[in-house]
Protein backbone atom coordinates (compact mmCIF):
# COMPACT_ATOMS: atom_id res chain seq x y z
CA UNK A 1 0.00 0.00 0.00
CA UNK A 2 1.27 3.51 -0.79
CA UNK A 3 1.46 6.17 1.88
CA UNK A 4 0.46 9.14 -0.28
CA UNK A 5 -2.32 7.48 -2.29
CA UNK A 6 -2.04 10.03 -5.10
CA UNK A 7 -3.49 8.63 -8.30
CA UNK A 8 -3.34 9.70 -11.90
CA UNK A 9 -6.67 9.54 -13.70
CA UNK A 10 -6.98 9.80 -17.47
CA UNK A 11 -9.12 8.99 -20.45
CA UNK A 12 -6.50 8.48 -23.20
CA UNK A 13 -7.04 10.59 -26.33
CA UNK A 14 -9.99 12.35 -24.66
CA UNK A 15 -8.87 14.06 -21.46
CA UNK A 16 -5.42 14.92 -20.09
CA UNK A 17 -4.33 13.21 -16.86
CA UNK A 18 -5.40 14.59 -13.50
CA UNK A 19 -3.72 13.88 -10.18
CA UNK A 20 -5.93 13.44 -7.14
CA UNK A 21 -5.64 11.91 -3.69
CA UNK A 22 -7.38 8.53 -3.69
CA UNK A 23 -10.53 8.64 -1.58
CA UNK A 24 -14.11 7.39 -1.79
CA UNK A 25 -15.23 10.93 -2.70
CA UNK A 26 -12.80 11.11 -5.63
CA UNK A 27 -13.89 7.71 -6.93
CA UNK A 28 -17.55 8.68 -6.53
CA UNK A 29 -16.85 11.91 -8.42
CA UNK A 30 -15.27 9.90 -11.24
CA UNK A 31 -18.35 7.69 -11.38
CA UNK A 32 -20.66 10.74 -11.47
CA UNK A 33 -18.64 12.28 -14.30
CA UNK A 34 -19.01 9.23 -16.58
CA UNK A 35 -22.24 7.53 -15.47
CA UNK A 36 -24.36 9.45 -17.99
CA UNK A 37 -22.18 8.43 -20.93
CA UNK A 38 -23.57 5.76 -23.28
CA UNK A 39 -22.41 2.30 -22.23
CA UNK A 40 -23.71 -1.22 -21.97
CA UNK A 41 -25.57 -2.29 -18.83
CA UNK A 42 -22.68 -4.63 -17.97
CA UNK A 43 -20.12 -1.79 -18.26
CA UNK A 44 -22.35 0.42 -16.10
CA UNK A 45 -22.58 -2.25 -13.40
CA UNK A 46 -18.83 -2.91 -13.42
CA UNK A 47 -17.96 0.79 -13.30
CA UNK A 48 -20.44 1.57 -10.57
CA UNK A 49 -19.10 -1.26 -8.44
CA UNK A 50 -15.47 -0.29 -9.13
CA UNK A 51 -15.90 3.43 -8.46
CA UNK A 52 -18.87 3.84 -6.14
CA UNK A 53 -19.08 0.54 -4.28
CA UNK A 54 -18.40 0.28 -0.55
CA UNK A 55 -14.99 -1.35 -1.15
CA UNK A 56 -13.97 0.78 -4.16
CA UNK A 57 -10.96 2.48 -2.57
CA UNK A 58 -9.60 -0.77 -1.14
CA UNK A 59 -10.11 -2.57 -4.45
CA UNK A 60 -8.31 0.15 -6.43
CA UNK A 61 -5.37 -0.01 -4.00
CA UNK A 62 -5.28 -3.80 -4.26
CA UNK A 63 -5.38 -3.70 -8.05
CA UNK A 64 -2.63 -1.06 -8.31
CA UNK A 65 -0.42 -3.03 -5.94
CA UNK A 66 -0.26 -5.78 -8.57
CA UNK A 67 -0.69 -3.87 -11.86
CA UNK A 68 0.67 -0.65 -13.36
CA UNK A 69 -2.82 0.72 -13.95
CA UNK A 70 -6.51 -0.08 -13.68
CA UNK A 71 -8.35 0.16 -17.01
CA UNK A 72 -12.12 0.54 -16.90
CA UNK A 73 -13.82 0.65 -20.32
CA UNK A 74 -16.95 2.73 -20.77
CA UNK A 75 -18.63 3.13 -24.13
CA UNK A 76 -15.82 3.51 -26.66
CA UNK A 77 -13.44 5.08 -24.09
CA UNK A 78 -11.29 3.81 -21.26
CA UNK A 79 -10.75 5.31 -17.81
CA UNK A 80 -7.23 4.61 -16.54
CA UNK A 81 -6.17 4.94 -12.92
CA UNK A 82 -2.53 4.58 -11.86
CA UNK A 83 -0.27 5.73 -9.05
CA UNK A 84 0.67 9.36 -9.73
CA UNK A 85 4.35 9.01 -8.91
CA UNK A 86 5.27 5.82 -10.73
CA UNK A 87 8.52 5.63 -12.63
CA UNK A 88 6.66 4.46 -15.75
CA UNK A 89 7.79 6.47 -18.74
CA UNK A 90 10.72 8.05 -16.89
CA UNK A 91 14.29 7.34 -17.98
CA UNK A 92 16.22 4.81 -15.90
C-alpha atoms as a PDB file:
ATOM      1  CA  UNK A   1       0.000   0.000   0.000  1.00  0.00           C
ATOM      2  CA  UNK A   2       1.269   3.509  -0.786  1.00  0.00           C
ATOM      3  CA  UNK A   3       1.458   6.171   1.882  1.00  0.00           C
ATOM      4  CA  UNK A   4       0.464   9.136  -0.282  1.00  0.00           C
ATOM      5  CA  UNK A   5      -2.323   7.482  -2.292  1.00  0.00           C
ATOM      6  CA  UNK A   6      -2.039  10.028  -5.101  1.00  0.00           C
ATOM      7  CA  UNK A   7      -3.494   8.634  -8.296  1.00  0.00           C
ATOM      8  CA  UNK A   8      -3.340   9.703 -11.899  1.00  0.00           C
ATOM      9  CA  UNK A   9      -6.671   9.543 -13.702  1.00  0.00           C
ATOM     10  CA  UNK A  10      -6.976   9.804 -17.467  1.00  0.00           C
ATOM     11  CA  UNK A  11      -9.116   8.989 -20.450  1.00  0.00           C
ATOM     12  CA  UNK A  12      -6.500   8.479 -23.200  1.00  0.00           C
ATOM     13  CA  UNK A  13      -7.039  10.594 -26.332  1.00  0.00           C
ATOM     14  CA  UNK A  14      -9.988  12.353 -24.657  1.00  0.00           C
ATOM     15  CA  UNK A  15      -8.872  14.065 -21.459  1.00  0.00           C
ATOM     16  CA  UNK A  16      -5.417  14.923 -20.086  1.00  0.00           C
ATOM     17  CA  UNK A  17      -4.331  13.205 -16.862  1.00  0.00           C
ATOM     18  CA  UNK A  18      -5.403  14.588 -13.499  1.00  0.00           C
ATOM     19  CA  UNK A  19      -3.718  13.878 -10.179  1.00  0.00           C
ATOM     20  CA  UNK A  20      -5.933  13.436  -7.137  1.00  0.00           C
ATOM     21  CA  UNK A  21      -5.640  11.908  -3.689  1.00  0.00           C
ATOM     22  CA  UNK A  22      -7.378   8.534  -3.690  1.00  0.00           C
ATOM     23  CA  UNK A  23     -10.534   8.638  -1.578  1.00  0.00           C
ATOM     24  CA  UNK A  24     -14.112   7.385  -1.786  1.00  0.00           C
ATOM     25  CA  UNK A  25     -15.226  10.928  -2.697  1.00  0.00           C
ATOM     26  CA  UNK A  26     -12.797  11.106  -5.628  1.00  0.00           C
ATOM     27  CA  UNK A  27     -13.893   7.708  -6.926  1.00  0.00           C
ATOM     28  CA  UNK A  28     -17.552   8.678  -6.530  1.00  0.00           C
ATOM     29  CA  UNK A  29     -16.849  11.908  -8.418  1.00  0.00           C
ATOM     30  CA  UNK A  30     -15.273   9.904 -11.244  1.00  0.00           C
ATOM     31  CA  UNK A  31     -18.347   7.694 -11.383  1.00  0.00           C
ATOM     32  CA  UNK A  32     -20.656  10.736 -11.474  1.00  0.00           C
ATOM     33  CA  UNK A  33     -18.640  12.275 -14.305  1.00  0.00           C
ATOM     34  CA  UNK A  34     -19.009   9.228 -16.577  1.00  0.00           C
ATOM     35  CA  UNK A  35     -22.241   7.529 -15.473  1.00  0.00           C
ATOM     36  CA  UNK A  36     -24.357   9.452 -17.988  1.00  0.00           C
ATOM     37  CA  UNK A  37     -22.183   8.427 -20.929  1.00  0.00           C
ATOM     38  CA  UNK A  38     -23.567   5.763 -23.280  1.00  0.00           C
ATOM     39  CA  UNK A  39     -22.406   2.300 -22.229  1.00  0.00           C
ATOM     40  CA  UNK A  40     -23.714  -1.215 -21.968  1.00  0.00           C
ATOM     41  CA  UNK A  41     -25.573  -2.288 -18.828  1.00  0.00           C
ATOM     42  CA  UNK A  42     -22.677  -4.626 -17.966  1.00  0.00           C
ATOM     43  CA  UNK A  43     -20.125  -1.792 -18.261  1.00  0.00           C
ATOM     44  CA  UNK A  44     -22.351   0.416 -16.102  1.00  0.00           C
ATOM     45  CA  UNK A  45     -22.583  -2.248 -13.399  1.00  0.00           C
ATOM     46  CA  UNK A  46     -18.826  -2.913 -13.423  1.00  0.00           C
ATOM     47  CA  UNK A  47     -17.956   0.793 -13.304  1.00  0.00           C
ATOM     48  CA  UNK A  48     -20.443   1.568 -10.566  1.00  0.00           C
ATOM     49  CA  UNK A  49     -19.096  -1.264  -8.438  1.00  0.00           C
ATOM     50  CA  UNK A  50     -15.471  -0.287  -9.135  1.00  0.00           C
ATOM     51  CA  UNK A  51     -15.900   3.427  -8.463  1.00  0.00           C
ATOM     52  CA  UNK A  52     -18.873   3.835  -6.137  1.00  0.00           C
ATOM     53  CA  UNK A  53     -19.075   0.537  -4.280  1.00  0.00           C
ATOM     54  CA  UNK A  54     -18.402   0.281  -0.554  1.00  0.00           C
ATOM     55  CA  UNK A  55     -14.992  -1.349  -1.149  1.00  0.00           C
ATOM     56  CA  UNK A  56     -13.970   0.775  -4.161  1.00  0.00           C
ATOM     57  CA  UNK A  57     -10.958   2.480  -2.568  1.00  0.00           C
ATOM     58  CA  UNK A  58      -9.596  -0.769  -1.139  1.00  0.00           C
ATOM     59  CA  UNK A  59     -10.105  -2.575  -4.448  1.00  0.00           C
ATOM     60  CA  UNK A  60      -8.306   0.147  -6.427  1.00  0.00           C
ATOM     61  CA  UNK A  61      -5.366  -0.012  -4.004  1.00  0.00           C
ATOM     62  CA  UNK A  62      -5.279  -3.802  -4.256  1.00  0.00           C
ATOM     63  CA  UNK A  63      -5.376  -3.697  -8.055  1.00  0.00           C
ATOM     64  CA  UNK A  64      -2.632  -1.056  -8.310  1.00  0.00           C
ATOM     65  CA  UNK A  65      -0.422  -3.035  -5.941  1.00  0.00           C
ATOM     66  CA  UNK A  66      -0.259  -5.776  -8.571  1.00  0.00           C
ATOM     67  CA  UNK A  67      -0.690  -3.867 -11.858  1.00  0.00           C
ATOM     68  CA  UNK A  68       0.672  -0.645 -13.363  1.00  0.00           C
ATOM     69  CA  UNK A  69      -2.822   0.724 -13.951  1.00  0.00           C
ATOM     70  CA  UNK A  70      -6.514  -0.084 -13.676  1.00  0.00           C
ATOM     71  CA  UNK A  71      -8.346   0.158 -17.013  1.00  0.00           C
ATOM     72  CA  UNK A  72     -12.119   0.540 -16.903  1.00  0.00           C
ATOM     73  CA  UNK A  73     -13.821   0.646 -20.318  1.00  0.00           C
ATOM     74  CA  UNK A  74     -16.947   2.727 -20.767  1.00  0.00           C
ATOM     75  CA  UNK A  75     -18.628   3.133 -24.126  1.00  0.00           C
ATOM     76  CA  UNK A  76     -15.822   3.513 -26.658  1.00  0.00           C
ATOM     77  CA  UNK A  77     -13.436   5.085 -24.093  1.00  0.00           C
ATOM     78  CA  UNK A  78     -11.288   3.809 -21.257  1.00  0.00           C
ATOM     79  CA  UNK A  79     -10.751   5.306 -17.813  1.00  0.00           C
ATOM     80  CA  UNK A  80      -7.228   4.615 -16.536  1.00  0.00           C
ATOM     81  CA  UNK A  81      -6.175   4.941 -12.923  1.00  0.00           C
ATOM     82  CA  UNK A  82      -2.530   4.576 -11.858  1.00  0.00           C
ATOM     83  CA  UNK A  83      -0.268   5.733  -9.046  1.00  0.00           C
ATOM     84  CA  UNK A  84       0.669   9.357  -9.730  1.00  0.00           C
ATOM     85  CA  UNK A  85       4.348   9.013  -8.907  1.00  0.00           C
ATOM     86  CA  UNK A  86       5.265   5.823 -10.733  1.00  0.00           C
ATOM     87  CA  UNK A  87       8.515   5.630 -12.632  1.00  0.00           C
ATOM     88  CA  UNK A  88       6.655   4.459 -15.751  1.00  0.00           C
ATOM     89  CA  UNK A  89       7.790   6.470 -18.741  1.00  0.00           C
ATOM     90  CA  UNK A  90      10.723   8.047 -16.888  1.00  0.00           C
ATOM     91  CA  UNK A  91      14.286   7.337 -17.982  1.00  0.00           C
ATOM     92  CA  UNK A  92      16.217   4.815 -15.905  1.00  0.00           C
END
